[in-house]
């Protein structure tokens, strides 16, 4: 089984700007998020921008070699989203190696996925270290050209993930002695269709699902459960 994929295959033309109008990294981030919001209207671009800028205050994401990788982990997205913008003349931004910042790559990932983000960031860093790639990107005229240049570089991303990489770690649980009313209320509160049942030492004993509650003849909660917004 092929466990890798080319970095270029992870980008979409609708999230690429081959000629940024922005003059600073902050403005470039806003320009890319505006494009993202335009093509994915359900995403709260303002909230994501605040998350990215908060991280920028903690650590400058300018990588060097003309690249920056601002990023955020947020449940505003369901999967890894990559936005890429290129400044032909360079952005007004301090960089660790004094090479003008020309390429801004935004990485957005759900809070429960981390490995794919790290693998993708590592692949972009490898791509950035080849000086020819920067010049090739700056000469690109269209979004399709940008993606083709990255694809032709043959940089690979590990794509095989395990259950551990995407599992939820902080989950709501119930105990064997909790009433079914309490279980139903917890499902509604946390928008779940099933919950783990654990003992006093947090050892897993089993699972209880919304269908189990219905089958247990809880007519007062049937309507409540039918209105749950399932997380699974």
Foldseek 3Di string as FASTA:
>chain_A
DDQKDFLLVQADQLQEALADPAQAPLVVLVVSLVSVCVVVVQADSVVQSVQQVVVCVVPNQQDDLQEGEGEGAAPSDDAKHKHKYFHLVAHPDDHPVPDGRGMYIYIYGHPQADQQVVQSVVLVVVCSVPNVLNVQSSPDDGSVSNSVSSRVVRRMGRHDDDCNRRPDDDFDAAEPPDDVVVVLVVCQVVLAQKHFYAYPVRHTDGMDGPVNSVVVPDVVRPVVSVPRNHPD
